[in-house]
Amino acid sequence: MATPHYVVRRSRSGRFNFTVITDDGRLTGSVSTEPNGRTGTEIEQEARDKIRAIAESFATATGLKLAEEGVPCIEQEAG
């Protein structure tokens, strides 16, 4: 069994697409962020935090384990 993980791809206008990948299927979605004068790094961090929260919530609801206790979730940047 492959370790459940998620992939993030930045889109346009502060939107970030993501896919949570498991052996049982995929959950695909997007999150949006507002620039509000922030740096690109700050915007990306907010989006990744939102995506991580969604992935963890999905894992909890479905009984998946995204990471070992104290180990960060597996996150990949889409190529």
N, C-alpha and C. Protein backbone atom coordinates (compact mmCIF):
# COMPACT_ATOMS: atom_id res chain seq x y z
N MET A 1 0.85 -1.19 0.00
CA MET A 1 0.00 0.00 0.00
C MET A 1 0.88 1.24 0.00
N ALA A 2 0.62 2.14 -0.93
CA ALA A 2 1.35 3.40 -0.99
C ALA A 2 0.91 4.29 0.17
N THR A 3 1.81 5.10 0.66
CA THR A 3 1.47 6.02 1.74
C THR A 3 0.54 7.10 1.20
N PRO A 4 -0.61 7.35 1.83
CA PRO A 4 -1.48 8.45 1.39
C PRO A 4 -0.71 9.76 1.43
N HIS A 5 -0.90 10.59 0.45
CA HIS A 5 -0.20 11.87 0.38
C HIS A 5 -1.05 12.85 -0.44
N TYR A 6 -0.54 14.09 -0.55
CA TYR A 6 -1.26 15.05 -1.38
C TYR A 6 -0.29 15.84 -2.24
N VAL A 7 -0.81 16.31 -3.37
CA VAL A 7 -0.04 17.04 -4.36
C VAL A 7 -0.66 18.43 -4.48
N VAL A 8 0.20 19.47 -4.55
CA VAL A 8 -0.26 20.86 -4.63
C VAL A 8 0.25 21.48 -5.92
N ARG A 9 -0.63 22.22 -6.60
CA ARG A 9 -0.23 22.96 -7.80
C ARG A 9 -0.81 24.37 -7.72
N ARG A 10 0.04 25.36 -7.88
CA ARG A 10 -0.44 26.74 -7.86
C ARG A 10 -1.09 27.08 -9.19
N SER A 11 -2.22 27.71 -9.10
CA SER A 11 -2.95 28.13 -10.29
C SER A 11 -2.81 29.66 -10.40
N ARG A 12 -3.81 30.29 -10.93
CA ARG A 12 -3.77 31.75 -11.08
C ARG A 12 -4.58 32.44 -9.99
N SER A 13 -4.31 33.69 -9.80
CA SER A 13 -5.11 34.55 -8.92
C SER A 13 -5.25 34.01 -7.50
N GLY A 14 -4.16 33.50 -6.94
CA GLY A 14 -4.20 33.05 -5.55
C GLY A 14 -4.93 31.75 -5.32
N ARG A 15 -5.14 30.99 -6.37
CA ARG A 15 -5.82 29.70 -6.22
C ARG A 15 -4.79 28.58 -6.28
N PHE A 16 -4.97 27.59 -5.42
CA PHE A 16 -4.07 26.45 -5.36
C PHE A 16 -4.90 25.18 -5.49
N ASN A 17 -4.60 24.36 -6.49
CA ASN A 17 -5.28 23.09 -6.69
C ASN A 17 -4.54 22.01 -5.92
N PHE A 18 -5.27 21.01 -5.46
CA PHE A 18 -4.63 19.92 -4.73
C PHE A 18 -5.36 18.62 -5.00
N THR A 19 -4.65 17.51 -4.78
CA THR A 19 -5.22 16.18 -4.86
C THR A 19 -4.68 15.35 -3.71
N VAL A 20 -5.57 14.79 -2.89
CA VAL A 20 -5.18 13.83 -1.86
C VAL A 20 -5.26 12.47 -2.52
N ILE A 21 -4.16 11.71 -2.48
CA ILE A 21 -4.07 10.43 -3.19
C ILE A 21 -3.94 9.29 -2.19
N THR A 22 -4.83 8.30 -2.31
CA THR A 22 -4.78 7.10 -1.46
C THR A 22 -4.98 5.88 -2.36
N ASP A 23 -4.79 4.70 -1.81
CA ASP A 23 -5.05 3.48 -2.58
C ASP A 23 -6.53 3.34 -2.92
N ASP A 24 -7.40 3.92 -2.12
CA ASP A 24 -8.84 3.80 -2.33
C ASP A 24 -9.42 4.85 -3.27
N GLY A 25 -8.64 5.88 -3.61
CA GLY A 25 -9.15 6.92 -4.49
C GLY A 25 -8.46 8.25 -4.28
N ARG A 26 -9.05 9.28 -4.85
CA ARG A 26 -8.49 10.64 -4.81
C ARG A 26 -9.56 11.64 -4.41
N LEU A 27 -9.12 12.68 -3.73
CA LEU A 27 -9.97 13.82 -3.40
C LEU A 27 -9.29 15.03 -4.03
N THR A 28 -9.97 15.70 -4.94
CA THR A 28 -9.40 16.84 -5.66
C THR A 28 -10.19 18.09 -5.32
N GLY A 29 -9.48 19.21 -5.17
CA GLY A 29 -10.15 20.46 -4.87
C GLY A 29 -9.21 21.64 -5.05
N SER A 30 -9.63 22.78 -4.56
CA SER A 30 -8.80 23.99 -4.62
C SER A 30 -9.12 24.88 -3.43
N VAL A 31 -8.14 25.69 -3.07
CA VAL A 31 -8.33 26.70 -2.04
C VAL A 31 -7.91 28.04 -2.63
N SER A 32 -8.47 29.10 -2.09
CA SER A 32 -8.14 30.45 -2.56
C SER A 32 -7.56 31.26 -1.42
N THR A 33 -6.70 32.18 -1.78
CA THR A 33 -6.12 33.11 -0.81
C THR A 33 -6.19 34.51 -1.38
N GLU A 34 -6.26 35.48 -0.52
CA GLU A 34 -6.27 36.89 -0.94
C GLU A 34 -4.88 37.46 -0.75
N PRO A 35 -4.36 38.20 -1.73
CA PRO A 35 -3.01 38.75 -1.62
C PRO A 35 -2.85 39.75 -0.46
N ASN A 36 -3.75 40.71 -0.34
CA ASN A 36 -3.73 41.70 0.75
C ASN A 36 -2.34 42.23 1.05
N GLY A 37 -1.54 42.48 0.01
CA GLY A 37 -0.21 43.06 0.18
C GLY A 37 0.83 42.12 0.76
N ARG A 38 0.54 40.83 0.80
CA ARG A 38 1.48 39.86 1.37
C ARG A 38 2.45 39.35 0.30
N THR A 39 3.55 38.77 0.75
CA THR A 39 4.52 38.19 -0.17
C THR A 39 3.99 36.88 -0.74
N GLY A 40 4.58 36.45 -1.85
CA GLY A 40 4.19 35.18 -2.44
C GLY A 40 4.40 34.02 -1.49
N THR A 41 5.45 34.09 -0.69
CA THR A 41 5.73 33.03 0.28
C THR A 41 4.64 32.95 1.33
N GLU A 42 4.17 34.10 1.81
CA GLU A 42 3.10 34.12 2.81
C GLU A 42 1.79 33.58 2.24
N ILE A 43 1.50 33.95 1.00
CA ILE A 43 0.28 33.48 0.34
C ILE A 43 0.34 31.97 0.17
N GLU A 44 1.48 31.47 -0.29
CA GLU A 44 1.63 30.04 -0.49
C GLU A 44 1.54 29.27 0.82
N GLN A 45 2.11 29.82 1.88
CA GLN A 45 2.05 29.15 3.18
C GLN A 45 0.61 29.05 3.68
N GLU A 46 -0.17 30.13 3.50
CA GLU A 46 -1.57 30.10 3.91
C GLU A 46 -2.32 29.01 3.13
N ALA A 47 -2.08 28.94 1.82
CA ALA A 47 -2.75 27.93 1.00
C ALA A 47 -2.35 26.53 1.44
N ARG A 48 -1.09 26.30 1.68
CA ARG A 48 -0.62 24.97 2.11
C ARG A 48 -1.20 24.60 3.48
N ASP A 49 -1.33 25.58 4.36
CA ASP A 49 -1.95 25.33 5.67
C ASP A 49 -3.41 24.90 5.51
N LYS A 50 -4.13 25.59 4.61
CA LYS A 50 -5.53 25.24 4.35
C LYS A 50 -5.63 23.83 3.76
N ILE A 51 -4.76 23.53 2.80
CA ILE A 51 -4.78 22.22 2.15
C ILE A 51 -4.44 21.13 3.16
N ARG A 52 -3.44 21.37 3.98
CA ARG A 52 -3.06 20.39 5.01
C ARG A 52 -4.24 20.11 5.94
N ALA A 53 -4.96 21.17 6.34
CA ALA A 53 -6.11 20.99 7.23
C ALA A 53 -7.21 20.17 6.55
N ILE A 54 -7.45 20.42 5.27
CA ILE A 54 -8.45 19.64 4.54
C ILE A 54 -8.02 18.18 4.44
N ALA A 55 -6.75 17.95 4.10
CA ALA A 55 -6.24 16.58 3.97
C ALA A 55 -6.33 15.84 5.30
N GLU A 56 -5.98 16.51 6.39
CA GLU A 56 -6.05 15.87 7.71
C GLU A 56 -7.49 15.57 8.10
N SER A 57 -8.40 16.49 7.79
CA SER A 57 -9.82 16.27 8.08
C SER A 57 -10.36 15.08 7.28
N PHE A 58 -10.00 15.01 6.01
CA PHE A 58 -10.40 13.89 5.16
C PHE A 58 -9.85 12.57 5.72
N ALA A 59 -8.59 12.58 6.12
CA ALA A 59 -7.97 11.37 6.67
C ALA A 59 -8.68 10.93 7.94
N THR A 60 -9.01 11.86 8.81
CA THR A 60 -9.70 11.53 10.05
C THR A 60 -11.09 10.96 9.76
N ALA A 61 -11.81 11.58 8.84
CA ALA A 61 -13.17 11.13 8.52
C ALA A 61 -13.20 9.75 7.87
N THR A 62 -12.14 9.40 7.16
CA THR A 62 -12.12 8.12 6.44
C THR A 62 -11.23 7.07 7.10
N GLY A 63 -10.61 7.42 8.21
CA GLY A 63 -9.76 6.46 8.92
C GLY A 63 -8.39 6.28 8.30
N LEU A 64 -7.97 7.19 7.41
CA LEU A 64 -6.64 7.11 6.81
C LEU A 64 -5.60 7.69 7.76
N LYS A 65 -4.37 7.30 7.54
CA LYS A 65 -3.27 7.85 8.31
C LYS A 65 -2.32 8.53 7.32
N LEU A 66 -2.29 9.87 7.34
CA LEU A 66 -1.44 10.61 6.42
C LEU A 66 0.02 10.64 6.86
N ALA A 67 0.25 10.51 8.17
CA ALA A 67 1.62 10.60 8.67
C ALA A 67 1.70 9.92 10.03
N GLU A 68 2.90 9.55 10.40
CA GLU A 68 3.13 9.01 11.74
C GLU A 68 3.05 10.16 12.75
N GLU A 69 2.78 9.84 13.98
CA GLU A 69 2.70 10.85 15.05
C GLU A 69 3.99 11.66 15.08
N GLY A 70 3.88 12.97 15.02
CA GLY A 70 5.03 13.86 15.09
C GLY A 70 5.79 14.02 13.78
N VAL A 71 5.32 13.38 12.71
CA VAL A 71 5.97 13.47 11.40
C VAL A 71 5.04 14.24 10.47
N PRO A 72 5.56 15.22 9.71
CA PRO A 72 4.69 15.99 8.83
C PRO A 72 4.05 15.14 7.75
N CYS A 73 2.91 15.60 7.22
CA CYS A 73 2.24 14.93 6.11
C CYS A 73 3.16 14.91 4.90
N ILE A 74 2.98 13.93 4.05
CA ILE A 74 3.74 13.88 2.80
C ILE A 74 3.07 14.81 1.82
N GLU A 75 3.82 15.81 1.38
CA GLU A 75 3.30 16.83 0.47
C GLU A 75 4.23 16.91 -0.73
N GLN A 76 3.67 16.92 -1.94
CA GLN A 76 4.48 17.01 -3.15
C GLN A 76 4.04 18.22 -3.94
N GLU A 77 4.99 18.83 -4.65
CA GLU A 77 4.70 19.90 -5.59
C GLU A 77 4.46 19.26 -6.94
N ALA A 78 3.38 19.65 -7.60
CA ALA A 78 3.09 19.09 -8.93
C ALA A 78 4.14 19.60 -9.91
N GLY A 79 4.56 18.72 -10.77
CA GLY A 79 5.61 19.04 -11.74
C GLY A 79 5.09 19.75 -12.89
